[in-house]
Amino acid sequence: MDTLVRLIESPDALAALARVEVLYTDLDGTLLAQGGCVLADADGMPSCRVVESIVDLNRSGLSIVPISGRGRPQLVELVRLLGWRDFIAEAGAIIVHGVGAGARVRYNNGAWPADLASEGLTPYELIEQTGALELLQQAFPGKLEYHTPWHLEREATHLLRGCLDLERARTVLESLEPPVDVLDNGIVRNAGTLACDDGALPHAYHLVPKGVSKAQAIALDLEMRGLSAHQAAAIGDSATDIEMADSVAVMALVENAFDSSSVRTELAEHPRANVWRTCCRRGDGWSEFARAWLEARAGSEPG
């Protein structure tokens, strides 16, 4: 939606940012340049801009929590490298506080009964037992496969790539026990062996315990921290990321988010008053947000 207000031009956004203590950030397409690089600008050219913004935020004592479809092993190393401690992995299904031997790891199983955990299986294994992937592949022949090689070492969700009608896919899954949902995590450039219609790019999808989402995971994480939604912000680039607005005071979309028709559709069909856009793309937009956050916080301090 081209009329969405720019974050740095909105007094309401800047006033809300002044109270924010923690930022939940998407990674691919948001913080990172193409190829997953943090030392590049939005065009992929070498740049320290994003890293400098990370250092500035780290010095301020504010908290940054990656929330990503990536698995726990990847995110453990990322937070170590960037000087952070906590993260939310597998599209909201794993919440981790701390690094190393003292880390606290929580599987977020959404609407599943609590006693499922007593069976000794991971959420990934329980989803596998339902046959959810096979059902979707039958309903969408040639349109869905594992998102290799990033589907490996999963604990809670199945990471796929494909070309799905999301509502129809959810209908296919609605009779499963335990209940399973499918989340759209945005466009991927690697089509694998897929044959998407009309040259469309495939999307990344997660098979998750029903009830799991990034917004729901943020609400759980804030409760664990003793913080409220008014003390949180989020930034991302996909339609799934927009839903984080329901659990935070400020939701920012980097400019490249608007390359996606699903983002434009989500904004049109489910408008939210606390969603703003950056002027810049990818990490450049992330740095723009970081500057606005620090300036808003500085402006709220007495004297």
Protein backbone atom coordinates (compact mmCIF):
# COMPACT_ATOMS: atom_id res chain seq x y z
CA MET A 1 0.00 0.00 0.00
CA ASP A 2 1.83 3.04 -1.30
CA THR A 3 -0.03 5.38 1.08
CA LEU A 4 1.43 3.75 4.18
CA VAL A 5 3.10 6.51 6.23
CA ARG A 6 6.88 6.66 6.49
CA LEU A 7 8.09 5.86 10.00
CA ILE A 8 10.38 8.88 10.25
CA GLU A 9 7.54 11.19 9.17
CA SER A 10 5.02 9.96 11.76
CA PRO A 11 4.86 11.72 15.17
CA ASP A 12 2.76 8.80 16.45
CA ALA A 13 5.41 6.26 15.45
CA LEU A 14 8.25 8.28 16.98
CA ALA A 15 6.32 8.83 20.21
CA ALA A 16 5.65 5.10 20.48
CA LEU A 17 9.31 4.29 19.74
CA ALA A 18 10.38 6.40 22.71
CA ARG A 19 8.88 3.75 25.02
CA VAL A 20 10.23 0.69 23.19
CA GLU A 21 12.71 -1.53 25.05
CA VAL A 22 12.96 -4.53 22.70
CA LEU A 23 12.97 -4.99 18.93
CA TYR A 24 11.90 -8.22 17.26
CA THR A 25 13.63 -8.36 13.90
CA ASP A 26 13.19 -10.56 10.88
CA LEU A 27 16.48 -11.48 9.17
CA ASP A 28 16.34 -12.40 5.49
CA GLY A 29 15.07 -9.52 3.40
CA THR A 30 15.07 -7.24 6.44
CA LEU A 31 18.34 -7.09 8.39
CA LEU A 32 20.40 -9.02 5.85
CA ALA A 33 21.38 -8.33 2.25
CA GLN A 34 20.77 -10.98 -0.40
CA GLY A 35 22.77 -14.08 0.37
CA GLY A 36 22.43 -13.51 4.12
CA CYS A 37 25.22 -10.93 4.37
CA VAL A 38 25.29 -8.28 7.11
CA LEU A 39 28.29 -6.46 5.58
CA ALA A 40 26.45 -5.21 2.51
CA ASP A 41 23.91 -2.57 1.61
CA ALA A 42 20.52 -3.11 0.00
CA ASP A 43 22.16 -3.41 -3.42
CA GLY A 44 24.65 -6.02 -2.20
CA MET A 45 27.64 -3.68 -2.20
CA PRO A 46 30.13 -3.89 0.72
CA SER A 47 28.98 -1.67 3.56
CA CYS A 48 29.35 -1.34 7.35
CA ARG A 49 26.13 0.62 7.76
CA VAL A 50 24.06 -2.18 9.28
CA VAL A 51 26.86 -3.32 11.57
CA GLU A 52 27.37 0.24 12.80
CA SER A 53 23.67 0.44 13.63
CA ILE A 54 23.88 -2.86 15.51
CA VAL A 55 26.85 -1.56 17.52
CA ASP A 56 24.98 1.66 18.34
CA LEU A 57 21.96 -0.29 19.60
CA ASN A 58 24.13 -2.69 21.58
CA ARG A 59 25.88 0.24 23.28
CA SER A 60 22.51 1.70 24.21
CA GLY A 61 21.55 -1.42 26.17
CA LEU A 62 18.38 -1.94 24.13
CA SER A 63 17.43 -5.52 23.28
CA ILE A 64 17.28 -6.99 19.78
CA VAL A 65 15.67 -10.39 19.33
CA PRO A 66 15.88 -12.08 15.91
CA ILE A 67 12.61 -13.79 14.99
CA SER A 68 13.13 -15.98 11.97
CA GLY A 69 12.20 -19.09 10.09
CA ARG A 70 15.77 -20.26 10.56
CA GLY A 71 16.58 -23.12 12.88
CA ARG A 72 18.18 -22.95 16.30
CA PRO A 73 21.76 -23.91 15.26
CA GLN A 74 21.91 -21.05 12.74
CA LEU A 75 20.52 -18.49 15.15
CA VAL A 76 22.79 -19.50 18.03
CA GLU A 77 25.79 -18.55 15.91
CA LEU A 78 24.19 -15.40 14.56
CA VAL A 79 23.39 -13.93 17.98
CA ARG A 80 26.92 -14.73 19.18
CA LEU A 81 28.41 -12.88 16.22
CA LEU A 82 26.16 -9.84 16.62
CA GLY A 83 26.48 -9.51 20.38
CA TRP A 84 22.90 -10.51 21.20
CA ARG A 85 21.58 -13.18 23.59
CA ASP A 86 18.03 -14.21 22.73
CA PHE A 87 16.11 -15.31 19.64
CA ILE A 88 12.91 -16.88 18.36
CA ALA A 89 13.49 -19.65 15.82
CA GLU A 90 11.43 -21.64 13.32
CA ALA A 91 8.79 -18.95 12.68
CA GLY A 92 7.89 -18.65 16.37
CA ALA A 93 8.00 -22.30 17.41
CA ILE A 94 11.19 -22.11 19.54
CA ILE A 95 11.94 -19.35 22.07
CA VAL A 96 15.50 -19.16 23.40
CA HIS A 97 16.85 -16.91 26.16
CA GLY A 98 20.61 -16.86 26.57
CA VAL A 99 23.52 -18.57 24.86
CA GLY A 100 25.75 -21.46 25.85
CA ALA A 101 25.09 -24.03 28.55
CA GLY A 102 22.78 -21.73 30.51
CA ALA A 103 20.37 -21.06 27.62
CA ARG A 104 16.66 -21.55 28.34
CA VAL A 105 14.88 -23.24 25.44
CA ARG A 106 11.09 -23.39 25.16
CA TYR A 107 9.11 -25.18 22.47
CA ASN A 108 6.08 -23.07 21.62
CA ASN A 109 3.41 -25.61 20.66
CA GLY A 110 0.56 -23.17 20.17
CA ALA A 111 -2.84 -24.80 20.64
CA TRP A 112 -1.51 -28.32 21.17
CA PRO A 113 -2.36 -30.08 24.44
CA ALA A 114 0.45 -29.80 26.98
CA ASP A 115 0.64 -33.57 27.44
CA LEU A 116 1.86 -34.08 23.86
CA ALA A 117 5.35 -33.22 25.07
CA SER A 118 5.29 -36.24 27.37
CA GLU A 119 5.42 -38.57 24.36
CA GLY A 120 9.13 -37.79 23.99
CA LEU A 121 8.85 -36.63 20.37
CA THR A 122 9.82 -33.23 19.05
CA PRO A 123 7.12 -31.06 17.45
CA TYR A 124 8.84 -31.77 14.11
CA GLU A 125 8.39 -35.51 14.61
CA LEU A 126 4.77 -35.13 15.68
CA ILE A 127 4.01 -33.10 12.55
CA GLU A 128 5.77 -35.72 10.45
CA GLN A 129 3.52 -38.42 11.92
CA THR A 130 0.38 -36.54 10.81
CA GLY A 131 1.30 -36.91 7.12
CA ALA A 132 0.72 -33.18 6.57
CA LEU A 133 3.41 -32.83 3.90
CA GLU A 134 2.12 -35.80 1.90
CA LEU A 135 -1.43 -34.41 2.00
CA LEU A 136 -0.28 -31.05 0.66
CA GLN A 137 1.85 -32.63 -2.06
CA GLN A 138 -1.16 -34.65 -3.20
CA ALA A 139 -3.33 -31.53 -3.26
CA PHE A 140 -0.66 -29.43 -5.02
CA PRO A 141 1.30 -31.83 -7.27
CA GLY A 142 4.64 -30.39 -8.36
CA LYS A 143 4.07 -27.27 -6.28
CA LEU A 144 5.71 -28.10 -2.95
CA GLU A 145 9.00 -29.55 -1.69
CA TYR A 146 11.44 -29.24 1.18
CA HIS A 147 13.39 -25.97 1.11
CA THR A 148 16.77 -27.66 0.76
CA PRO A 149 19.24 -27.49 2.41
CA TRP A 150 17.70 -25.23 5.07
CA HIS A 151 15.09 -27.84 5.98
CA LEU A 152 17.72 -29.84 7.89
CA GLU A 153 18.19 -29.87 11.69
CA ARG A 154 14.63 -28.74 12.34
CA GLU A 155 13.12 -29.36 15.78
CA ALA A 156 9.65 -27.88 15.61
CA THR A 157 8.56 -27.07 12.04
CA HIS A 158 8.94 -28.36 8.51
CA LEU A 159 10.48 -25.79 6.14
CA LEU A 160 9.13 -26.01 2.59
CA ARG A 161 9.14 -23.99 -0.60
CA GLY A 162 6.33 -23.94 -3.08
CA CYS A 163 3.44 -22.22 -4.79
CA LEU A 164 0.32 -22.67 -2.67
CA ASP A 165 -3.13 -21.22 -2.32
CA LEU A 166 -2.76 -20.70 1.43
CA GLU A 167 -6.44 -20.90 2.33
CA ARG A 168 -6.91 -24.09 0.32
CA ALA A 169 -3.78 -25.56 1.93
CA ARG A 170 -5.20 -24.86 5.37
CA THR A 171 -8.44 -26.56 4.39
CA VAL A 172 -6.45 -29.66 3.38
CA LEU A 173 -4.84 -29.76 6.84
CA GLU A 174 -7.85 -28.96 9.00
CA SER A 175 -8.71 -32.57 9.95
CA LEU A 176 -5.25 -33.49 11.27
CA GLU A 177 -4.49 -34.40 14.88
CA PRO A 178 -2.58 -32.84 16.45
CA PRO A 179 -3.71 -29.81 14.44
CA VAL A 180 -1.18 -28.42 11.95
CA ASP A 181 -1.09 -25.03 10.22
CA VAL A 182 0.92 -23.70 7.28
CA LEU A 183 2.53 -20.25 7.41
CA ASP A 184 3.76 -18.21 4.43
CA ASN A 185 7.20 -16.72 5.19
CA GLY A 186 7.63 -14.78 1.95
CA ILE A 187 9.34 -15.07 -1.41
CA VAL A 188 12.42 -17.25 -1.97
CA ARG A 189 14.68 -17.01 -5.01
CA ASN A 190 15.58 -20.70 -5.23
CA ALA A 191 12.77 -22.45 -7.11
CA GLY A 192 14.39 -25.89 -6.85
CA THR A 193 12.44 -28.36 -8.99
CA LEU A 194 9.15 -26.48 -8.71
CA ALA A 195 7.01 -25.35 -11.61
CA CYS A 196 5.15 -22.28 -10.36
CA ASP A 197 2.45 -20.88 -12.65
CA ASP A 198 3.04 -17.76 -14.75
CA GLY A 199 6.68 -17.51 -13.74
CA ALA A 200 5.79 -16.67 -10.14
CA LEU A 201 8.49 -16.98 -7.52
CA PRO A 202 7.98 -19.67 -4.86
CA HIS A 203 7.42 -18.83 -1.22
CA ALA A 204 8.87 -20.34 1.93
CA TYR A 205 6.28 -22.18 4.02
CA HIS A 206 6.39 -23.61 7.52
CA LEU A 207 4.28 -26.49 8.79
CA VAL A 208 3.75 -25.54 12.43
CA PRO A 209 1.68 -26.59 15.44
CA LYS A 210 -1.66 -24.85 14.97
CA GLY A 211 -1.75 -21.58 16.85
CA VAL A 212 1.94 -20.81 16.41
CA SER A 213 2.82 -17.54 14.73
CA LYS A 214 5.41 -14.82 15.07
CA ALA A 215 2.87 -12.55 16.77
CA GLN A 216 1.86 -15.25 19.24
CA ALA A 217 5.51 -16.05 19.99
CA ILE A 218 6.28 -12.38 20.64
CA ALA A 219 3.38 -12.20 23.11
CA LEU A 220 4.79 -15.23 24.96
CA ASP A 221 8.30 -13.78 24.93
CA LEU A 222 7.14 -10.41 26.27
CA GLU A 223 5.31 -12.20 29.07
CA MET A 224 8.53 -14.06 29.94
CA ARG A 225 10.38 -10.71 30.05
CA GLY A 226 7.75 -8.94 32.12
CA LEU A 227 7.19 -6.38 29.36
CA SER A 228 4.05 -5.11 27.62
CA ALA A 229 3.30 -4.62 23.94
CA HIS A 230 3.84 -0.88 24.44
CA GLN A 231 7.51 -1.61 25.12
CA ALA A 232 8.07 -3.62 21.92
CA ALA A 233 8.60 -3.03 18.21
CA ALA A 234 9.05 -5.33 15.22
CA ILE A 235 10.45 -5.02 11.73
CA GLY A 236 10.09 -7.29 8.71
CA ASP A 237 9.41 -7.70 5.02
CA SER A 238 6.65 -10.31 4.56
CA ALA A 239 2.90 -10.64 5.02
CA THR A 240 3.54 -12.99 7.95
CA ASP A 241 5.73 -10.31 9.52
CA ILE A 242 2.90 -7.76 9.34
CA GLU A 243 0.94 -9.89 11.82
CA MET A 244 3.60 -9.06 14.44
CA ALA A 245 1.89 -5.66 14.65
CA ASP A 246 -0.78 -7.31 16.79
CA SER A 247 1.74 -7.90 19.61
CA VAL A 248 3.84 -4.70 19.53
CA ALA A 249 3.44 -0.93 19.60
CA VAL A 250 5.40 -0.25 16.40
CA MET A 251 5.60 -2.43 13.29
CA ALA A 252 7.94 -1.33 10.50
CA LEU A 253 8.15 -2.72 6.98
CA VAL A 254 11.35 -2.24 5.01
CA GLU A 255 10.71 -0.80 1.56
CA ASN A 256 11.35 -4.04 -0.35
CA ALA A 257 8.36 -5.60 1.43
CA PHE A 258 6.17 -3.89 -1.15
CA ASP A 259 7.65 -6.03 -3.92
CA SER A 260 5.33 -8.77 -2.61
CA SER A 261 1.69 -8.91 -3.67
CA SER A 262 0.87 -10.81 -0.46
CA VAL A 263 2.16 -7.87 1.59
CA ARG A 264 0.00 -5.43 -0.35
CA THR A 265 -3.01 -7.72 0.02
CA GLU A 266 -2.49 -8.13 3.77
CA LEU A 267 -2.26 -4.36 4.26
CA ALA A 268 -5.39 -3.77 2.19
CA GLU A 269 -7.49 -6.50 3.79
CA HIS A 270 -6.26 -6.12 7.38
CA PRO A 271 -5.19 -2.51 7.92
CA ARG A 272 -3.47 -1.76 11.23
CA ALA A 273 -2.87 1.69 12.65
CA ASN A 274 0.57 0.81 14.06
CA VAL A 275 2.27 -0.26 10.81
CA TRP A 276 4.70 2.12 9.11
CA ARG A 277 7.26 1.80 6.32
CA THR A 278 10.92 2.74 6.01
CA CYS A 279 12.26 4.81 3.14
CA CYS A 280 15.04 2.30 2.38
CA ARG A 281 15.27 -1.33 1.43
CA ARG A 282 16.60 -4.31 3.38
CA GLY A 283 19.41 -3.50 5.83
CA ASP A 284 19.42 0.15 4.83
CA GLY A 285 15.82 0.33 6.02
CA TRP A 286 16.78 -1.54 9.19
CA SER A 287 19.49 1.06 9.88
CA GLU A 288 16.98 3.82 9.23
CA PHE A 289 14.70 2.26 11.85
CA ALA A 290 17.59 1.91 14.32
CA ARG A 291 18.46 5.61 14.01
CA ALA A 292 14.84 6.62 14.52
CA TRP A 293 14.57 4.37 17.58
CA LEU A 294 17.72 5.74 19.20
CA GLU A 295 16.74 9.34 18.48
CA ALA A 296 13.24 8.80 19.86
CA ARG A 297 14.66 7.25 23.02
CA ALA A 298 17.20 10.07 23.43
CA GLY A 299 14.49 12.67 22.98
CA SER A 300 12.41 11.12 25.77
CA GLU A 301 15.20 11.25 28.35
CA PRO A 302 15.04 14.15 30.85
CA GLY A 303 17.60 16.91 30.54
